Amino acid sequence: PRPRAGLSPVDLRAEAARAATIFRQGRAAAIREGGYADVVVDTSARSVRTAGVPLLRIRPSIGLNWVTSNLCPVVGGARALRFLADGRSCGGVLTLAGAGTSIQLRIDWLTGRVEMSSP
């Protein structure tokens, strides 16, 4: 048997699912605490984080593209997606690419819903 090399579509989907979970946890925290919660996507550090949740480091073999509104805050030098107490957000799209495909996580500004595209 040979060790698996590279990134498979399943690996890419799993990484996207982990990132989506962090966005959902950030939204839940904002609603639960009645304030706001920031999910920071740092493309240079290849990480996604929010308070109270372990940092997600994105593999080097996965391409990242993070697009948000200019209304989203900059936290620690990186653009964050802010969830408000009513579940809304400033909206954004995180694209993860690799293994010949890409997956988008779309965070709706009005509802804060996180949708993951199919690869």
N, C-alpha and C. Protein backbone atom coordinates (compact mmCIF):
# COMPACT_ATOMS: atom_id res chain seq x y z
N PRO A 1 0.83 -1.20 0.00
CA PRO A 1 0.00 0.00 0.00
C PRO A 1 0.87 1.26 0.00
N ARG A 2 0.38 2.25 -0.73
CA ARG A 2 1.07 3.54 -0.79
C ARG A 2 0.35 4.55 0.07
N PRO A 3 1.12 5.44 0.70
CA PRO A 3 0.44 6.51 1.42
C PRO A 3 -0.27 7.44 0.44
N ARG A 4 -1.38 7.96 0.87
CA ARG A 4 -2.14 8.86 0.03
C ARG A 4 -1.40 10.19 -0.13
N ALA A 5 -1.30 10.66 -1.33
CA ALA A 5 -0.61 11.92 -1.60
C ALA A 5 -1.61 12.94 -2.11
N GLY A 6 -1.39 14.19 -1.77
CA GLY A 6 -2.22 15.25 -2.31
C GLY A 6 -3.55 15.41 -1.60
N LEU A 7 -4.40 16.14 -2.25
CA LEU A 7 -5.70 16.52 -1.71
C LEU A 7 -6.79 15.90 -2.56
N SER A 8 -7.74 15.26 -1.93
CA SER A 8 -8.87 14.69 -2.66
C SER A 8 -10.08 15.61 -2.53
N PRO A 9 -11.09 15.44 -3.38
CA PRO A 9 -12.32 16.22 -3.24
C PRO A 9 -12.98 16.02 -1.87
N VAL A 10 -12.84 14.83 -1.31
CA VAL A 10 -13.41 14.56 0.02
C VAL A 10 -12.68 15.38 1.08
N ASP A 11 -11.36 15.48 0.96
CA ASP A 11 -10.58 16.29 1.90
C ASP A 11 -10.98 17.76 1.81
N LEU A 12 -11.19 18.25 0.60
CA LEU A 12 -11.59 19.63 0.40
C LEU A 12 -12.95 19.89 1.03
N ARG A 13 -13.88 18.98 0.81
CA ARG A 13 -15.22 19.13 1.39
C ARG A 13 -15.17 19.10 2.92
N ALA A 14 -14.34 18.24 3.47
CA ALA A 14 -14.20 18.16 4.93
C ALA A 14 -13.66 19.47 5.50
N GLU A 15 -12.67 20.05 4.83
CA GLU A 15 -12.11 21.33 5.28
C GLU A 15 -13.16 22.44 5.19
N ALA A 16 -13.95 22.46 4.12
CA ALA A 16 -15.02 23.44 3.97
C ALA A 16 -16.07 23.26 5.06
N ALA A 17 -16.38 22.02 5.40
CA ALA A 17 -17.37 21.75 6.45
C ALA A 17 -16.87 22.24 7.80
N ARG A 18 -15.57 22.08 8.07
CA ARG A 18 -15.00 22.59 9.33
C ARG A 18 -15.09 24.12 9.39
N ALA A 19 -14.80 24.78 8.27
CA ALA A 19 -14.90 26.24 8.23
C ALA A 19 -16.35 26.68 8.41
N ALA A 20 -17.28 26.00 7.77
CA ALA A 20 -18.71 26.33 7.90
C ALA A 20 -19.16 26.19 9.35
N THR A 21 -18.65 25.19 10.04
CA THR A 21 -18.99 24.99 11.45
C THR A 21 -18.54 26.18 12.29
N ILE A 22 -17.37 26.72 12.01
CA ILE A 22 -16.89 27.88 12.77
C ILE A 22 -17.79 29.08 12.52
N PHE A 23 -18.21 29.31 11.27
CA PHE A 23 -19.15 30.41 11.00
C PHE A 23 -20.46 30.20 11.77
N ARG A 24 -20.96 28.99 11.75
CA ARG A 24 -22.23 28.70 12.45
C ARG A 24 -22.09 28.88 13.97
N GLN A 25 -20.94 28.49 14.50
CA GLN A 25 -20.71 28.68 15.94
C GLN A 25 -20.60 30.16 16.29
N GLY A 26 -20.01 30.95 15.41
CA GLY A 26 -19.95 32.39 15.64
C GLY A 26 -21.34 33.01 15.65
N ARG A 27 -22.18 32.61 14.71
CA ARG A 27 -23.56 33.11 14.66
C ARG A 27 -24.32 32.73 15.92
N ALA A 28 -24.18 31.48 16.34
CA ALA A 28 -24.87 31.00 17.54
C ALA A 28 -24.41 31.77 18.78
N ALA A 29 -23.11 32.07 18.86
CA ALA A 29 -22.59 32.82 20.01
C ALA A 29 -23.16 34.23 20.05
N ALA A 30 -23.26 34.88 18.90
CA ALA A 30 -23.82 36.24 18.86
C ALA A 30 -25.27 36.24 19.33
N ILE A 31 -26.04 35.27 18.88
CA ILE A 31 -27.45 35.18 19.28
C ILE A 31 -27.57 34.86 20.77
N ARG A 32 -26.80 33.87 21.22
CA ARG A 32 -26.85 33.42 22.62
C ARG A 32 -26.46 34.53 23.58
N GLU A 33 -25.41 35.30 23.22
CA GLU A 33 -24.90 36.32 24.13
C GLU A 33 -25.56 37.68 23.93
N GLY A 34 -26.38 37.81 22.90
CA GLY A 34 -27.08 39.07 22.67
C GLY A 34 -26.17 40.21 22.27
N GLY A 35 -25.06 39.90 21.65
CA GLY A 35 -24.11 40.93 21.22
C GLY A 35 -23.68 40.68 19.79
N TYR A 36 -22.39 40.68 19.58
CA TYR A 36 -21.88 40.35 18.25
C TYR A 36 -20.73 39.36 18.39
N ALA A 37 -20.44 38.67 17.30
CA ALA A 37 -19.31 37.74 17.25
C ALA A 37 -18.63 37.89 15.90
N ASP A 38 -17.32 37.95 15.94
CA ASP A 38 -16.54 38.07 14.71
C ASP A 38 -15.90 36.73 14.37
N VAL A 39 -16.01 36.34 13.10
CA VAL A 39 -15.29 35.18 12.58
C VAL A 39 -14.22 35.77 11.67
N VAL A 40 -12.97 35.58 12.06
CA VAL A 40 -11.84 36.18 11.35
C VAL A 40 -11.27 35.17 10.36
N VAL A 41 -11.23 35.56 9.10
CA VAL A 41 -10.62 34.75 8.05
C VAL A 41 -9.33 35.45 7.65
N ASP A 42 -8.21 34.84 8.00
CA ASP A 42 -6.90 35.41 7.69
C ASP A 42 -6.29 34.58 6.57
N THR A 43 -6.37 35.09 5.35
CA THR A 43 -5.87 34.32 4.20
C THR A 43 -4.35 34.20 4.21
N SER A 44 -3.64 35.18 4.76
CA SER A 44 -2.17 35.06 4.79
C SER A 44 -1.71 34.04 5.83
N ALA A 45 -2.41 33.95 6.96
CA ALA A 45 -2.09 32.95 7.98
C ALA A 45 -2.82 31.63 7.71
N ARG A 46 -3.72 31.63 6.70
CA ARG A 46 -4.48 30.45 6.30
C ARG A 46 -5.29 29.90 7.48
N SER A 47 -6.05 30.80 8.13
CA SER A 47 -6.80 30.38 9.31
C SER A 47 -8.20 31.00 9.34
N VAL A 48 -9.06 30.31 10.09
CA VAL A 48 -10.42 30.78 10.36
C VAL A 48 -10.61 30.62 11.86
N ARG A 49 -11.09 31.69 12.52
CA ARG A 49 -11.23 31.61 13.97
C ARG A 49 -12.37 32.49 14.47
N THR A 50 -12.89 32.09 15.61
CA THR A 50 -13.85 32.89 16.37
C THR A 50 -13.61 32.59 17.83
N ALA A 51 -14.06 33.47 18.71
CA ALA A 51 -13.82 33.31 20.14
C ALA A 51 -14.41 32.01 20.66
N GLY A 52 -13.66 31.34 21.52
CA GLY A 52 -14.16 30.14 22.18
C GLY A 52 -14.13 28.87 21.35
N VAL A 53 -13.57 28.94 20.14
CA VAL A 53 -13.52 27.79 19.23
C VAL A 53 -12.07 27.60 18.79
N PRO A 54 -11.58 26.36 18.75
CA PRO A 54 -10.19 26.17 18.29
C PRO A 54 -9.98 26.72 16.88
N LEU A 55 -8.81 27.30 16.68
CA LEU A 55 -8.40 27.85 15.39
C LEU A 55 -8.38 26.76 14.33
N LEU A 56 -8.89 27.06 13.15
CA LEU A 56 -8.82 26.14 12.02
C LEU A 56 -7.70 26.60 11.10
N ARG A 57 -6.69 25.77 10.92
CA ARG A 57 -5.61 26.05 9.98
C ARG A 57 -5.93 25.33 8.67
N ILE A 58 -6.02 26.10 7.60
CA ILE A 58 -6.32 25.55 6.28
C ILE A 58 -5.03 25.00 5.67
N ARG A 59 -5.10 23.80 5.12
CA ARG A 59 -3.93 23.15 4.52
C ARG A 59 -3.31 24.03 3.42
N PRO A 60 -1.99 23.96 3.28
CA PRO A 60 -1.31 24.75 2.24
C PRO A 60 -1.74 24.36 0.82
N SER A 61 -2.22 23.14 0.63
CA SER A 61 -2.61 22.68 -0.71
C SER A 61 -3.99 23.20 -1.13
N ILE A 62 -4.66 23.94 -0.25
CA ILE A 62 -5.99 24.47 -0.55
C ILE A 62 -5.89 25.97 -0.81
N GLY A 63 -6.40 26.39 -1.96
CA GLY A 63 -6.45 27.81 -2.28
C GLY A 63 -7.59 28.49 -1.54
N LEU A 64 -7.36 29.72 -1.09
CA LEU A 64 -8.38 30.48 -0.35
C LEU A 64 -8.66 31.80 -1.03
N ASN A 65 -9.93 32.15 -1.07
CA ASN A 65 -10.34 33.47 -1.52
C ASN A 65 -11.47 33.93 -0.60
N TRP A 66 -11.30 35.09 0.03
CA TRP A 66 -12.26 35.60 1.00
C TRP A 66 -12.75 36.96 0.55
N VAL A 67 -14.06 37.08 0.32
CA VAL A 67 -14.65 38.33 -0.15
C VAL A 67 -15.75 38.73 0.82
N THR A 68 -15.65 39.95 1.35
CA THR A 68 -16.66 40.47 2.26
C THR A 68 -16.99 41.91 1.90
N SER A 69 -17.97 42.42 2.58
CA SER A 69 -18.35 43.83 2.43
C SER A 69 -17.31 44.71 3.12
N ASN A 70 -17.18 45.93 2.65
CA ASN A 70 -16.32 46.89 3.33
C ASN A 70 -16.88 47.27 4.69
N LEU A 71 -18.13 46.91 4.95
CA LEU A 71 -18.73 47.17 6.25
C LEU A 71 -18.28 46.17 7.31
N CYS A 72 -17.70 45.06 6.88
CA CYS A 72 -17.18 44.07 7.83
C CYS A 72 -15.91 44.63 8.47
N PRO A 73 -15.72 44.39 9.78
CA PRO A 73 -14.56 44.97 10.47
C PRO A 73 -13.25 44.26 10.12
N VAL A 74 -12.16 44.98 10.35
CA VAL A 74 -10.82 44.39 10.26
C VAL A 74 -10.40 44.10 11.70
N VAL A 75 -10.07 42.85 11.96
CA VAL A 75 -9.68 42.42 13.31
C VAL A 75 -8.29 41.80 13.21
N GLY A 76 -7.33 42.38 13.91
CA GLY A 76 -5.97 41.85 13.89
C GLY A 76 -5.36 41.84 12.50
N GLY A 77 -5.72 42.79 11.66
CA GLY A 77 -5.16 42.88 10.32
C GLY A 77 -5.86 42.04 9.27
N ALA A 78 -6.91 41.31 9.66
CA ALA A 78 -7.64 40.47 8.71
C ALA A 78 -9.12 40.84 8.73
N ARG A 79 -9.77 40.69 7.60
CA ARG A 79 -11.19 41.02 7.49
C ARG A 79 -12.02 39.94 8.19
N ALA A 80 -12.93 40.38 9.04
CA ALA A 80 -13.78 39.46 9.81
C ALA A 80 -15.22 39.56 9.32
N LEU A 81 -15.94 38.50 9.49
CA LEU A 81 -17.37 38.51 9.25
C LEU A 81 -18.03 38.69 10.61
N ARG A 82 -18.84 39.72 10.75
CA ARG A 82 -19.48 40.01 12.04
C ARG A 82 -20.93 39.54 12.03
N PHE A 83 -21.26 38.73 13.03
CA PHE A 83 -22.65 38.32 13.25
C PHE A 83 -23.22 39.18 14.36
N LEU A 84 -24.47 39.61 14.19
CA LEU A 84 -25.16 40.44 15.18
C LEU A 84 -26.10 39.59 16.02
N ALA A 85 -26.62 40.17 17.08
CA ALA A 85 -27.46 39.45 18.04
C ALA A 85 -28.72 38.86 17.41
N ASP A 86 -29.20 39.44 16.31
CA ASP A 86 -30.40 38.90 15.67
C ASP A 86 -30.07 37.87 14.59
N GLY A 87 -28.78 37.51 14.46
CA GLY A 87 -28.37 36.49 13.50
C GLY A 87 -27.86 37.03 12.18
N ARG A 88 -28.14 38.32 11.89
CA ARG A 88 -27.65 38.90 10.64
C ARG A 88 -26.13 38.99 10.66
N SER A 89 -25.57 39.24 9.47
CA SER A 89 -24.12 39.39 9.36
C SER A 89 -23.81 40.47 8.33
N CYS A 90 -22.54 40.76 8.16
CA CYS A 90 -22.15 41.70 7.11
C CYS A 90 -21.96 40.99 5.77
N GLY A 91 -22.09 39.67 5.75
CA GLY A 91 -22.07 38.89 4.52
C GLY A 91 -20.69 38.64 3.96
N GLY A 92 -20.53 37.48 3.34
CA GLY A 92 -19.24 37.15 2.74
C GLY A 92 -19.28 35.83 2.01
N VAL A 93 -18.23 35.58 1.23
CA VAL A 93 -18.08 34.33 0.50
C VAL A 93 -16.64 33.86 0.68
N LEU A 94 -16.48 32.64 1.22
CA LEU A 94 -15.17 32.02 1.34
C LEU A 94 -15.10 30.89 0.33
N THR A 95 -14.12 30.95 -0.58
CA THR A 95 -13.93 29.91 -1.58
C THR A 95 -12.69 29.12 -1.24
N LEU A 96 -12.84 27.80 -1.17
CA LEU A 96 -11.72 26.88 -0.97
C LEU A 96 -11.56 26.10 -2.27
N ALA A 97 -10.34 26.03 -2.77
CA ALA A 97 -10.11 25.38 -4.06
C ALA A 97 -8.95 24.39 -3.96
N GLY A 98 -9.10 23.30 -4.68
CA GLY A 98 -8.06 22.28 -4.74
C GLY A 98 -8.64 21.02 -5.33
N ALA A 99 -7.78 20.06 -5.64
CA ALA A 99 -8.22 18.78 -6.19
C ALA A 99 -9.05 18.98 -7.45
N GLY A 100 -8.75 20.05 -8.20
CA GLY A 100 -9.46 20.31 -9.45
C GLY A 100 -10.87 20.82 -9.30
N THR A 101 -11.24 21.29 -8.11
CA THR A 101 -12.60 21.78 -7.88
C THR A 101 -12.56 22.90 -6.85
N SER A 102 -13.71 23.50 -6.59
CA SER A 102 -13.79 24.51 -5.54
C SER A 102 -15.13 24.41 -4.83
N ILE A 103 -15.14 24.89 -3.59
CA ILE A 103 -16.35 24.91 -2.77
C ILE A 103 -16.49 26.32 -2.22
N GLN A 104 -17.70 26.85 -2.30
CA GLN A 104 -17.95 28.18 -1.74
C GLN A 104 -18.81 28.06 -0.49
N LEU A 105 -18.42 28.83 0.53
CA LEU A 105 -19.25 29.03 1.71
C LEU A 105 -19.82 30.43 1.58
N ARG A 106 -21.13 30.53 1.45
CA ARG A 106 -21.78 31.83 1.31
C ARG A 106 -22.52 32.14 2.61
N ILE A 107 -22.20 33.29 3.20
CA ILE A 107 -22.86 33.71 4.43
C ILE A 107 -23.77 34.88 4.08
N ASP A 108 -25.07 34.64 4.18
CA ASP A 108 -26.08 35.62 3.81
C ASP A 108 -26.09 36.77 4.83
N TRP A 109 -26.09 37.98 4.34
CA TRP A 109 -26.06 39.14 5.24
C TRP A 109 -27.36 39.30 6.02
N LEU A 110 -28.48 38.98 5.40
CA LEU A 110 -29.78 39.21 6.05
C LEU A 110 -30.11 38.16 7.10
N THR A 111 -29.82 36.92 6.81
CA THR A 111 -30.19 35.83 7.74
C THR A 111 -29.00 35.26 8.50
N GLY A 112 -27.80 35.46 8.00
CA GLY A 112 -26.61 34.86 8.61
C GLY A 112 -26.45 33.39 8.27
N ARG A 113 -27.32 32.89 7.41
CA ARG A 113 -27.27 31.48 7.04
C ARG A 113 -25.98 31.18 6.28
N VAL A 114 -25.40 30.02 6.59
CA VAL A 114 -24.17 29.57 5.94
C VAL A 114 -24.54 28.45 4.98
N GLU A 115 -24.29 28.67 3.69
CA GLU A 115 -24.57 27.66 2.67
C GLU A 115 -23.26 27.21 2.04
N MET A 116 -23.15 25.90 1.82
CA MET A 116 -21.96 25.34 1.19
C MET A 116 -22.35 24.79 -0.17
N SER A 117 -21.62 25.23 -1.21
CA SER A 117 -21.88 24.74 -2.57
C SER A 117 -21.37 23.31 -2.71
N SER A 118 -21.83 22.61 -3.71
CA SER A 118 -21.35 21.26 -4.00
C SER A 118 -20.11 21.36 -4.88
N PRO A 119 -19.15 20.46 -4.65
CA PRO A 119 -17.94 20.52 -5.50
C PRO A 119 -18.22 20.05 -6.90
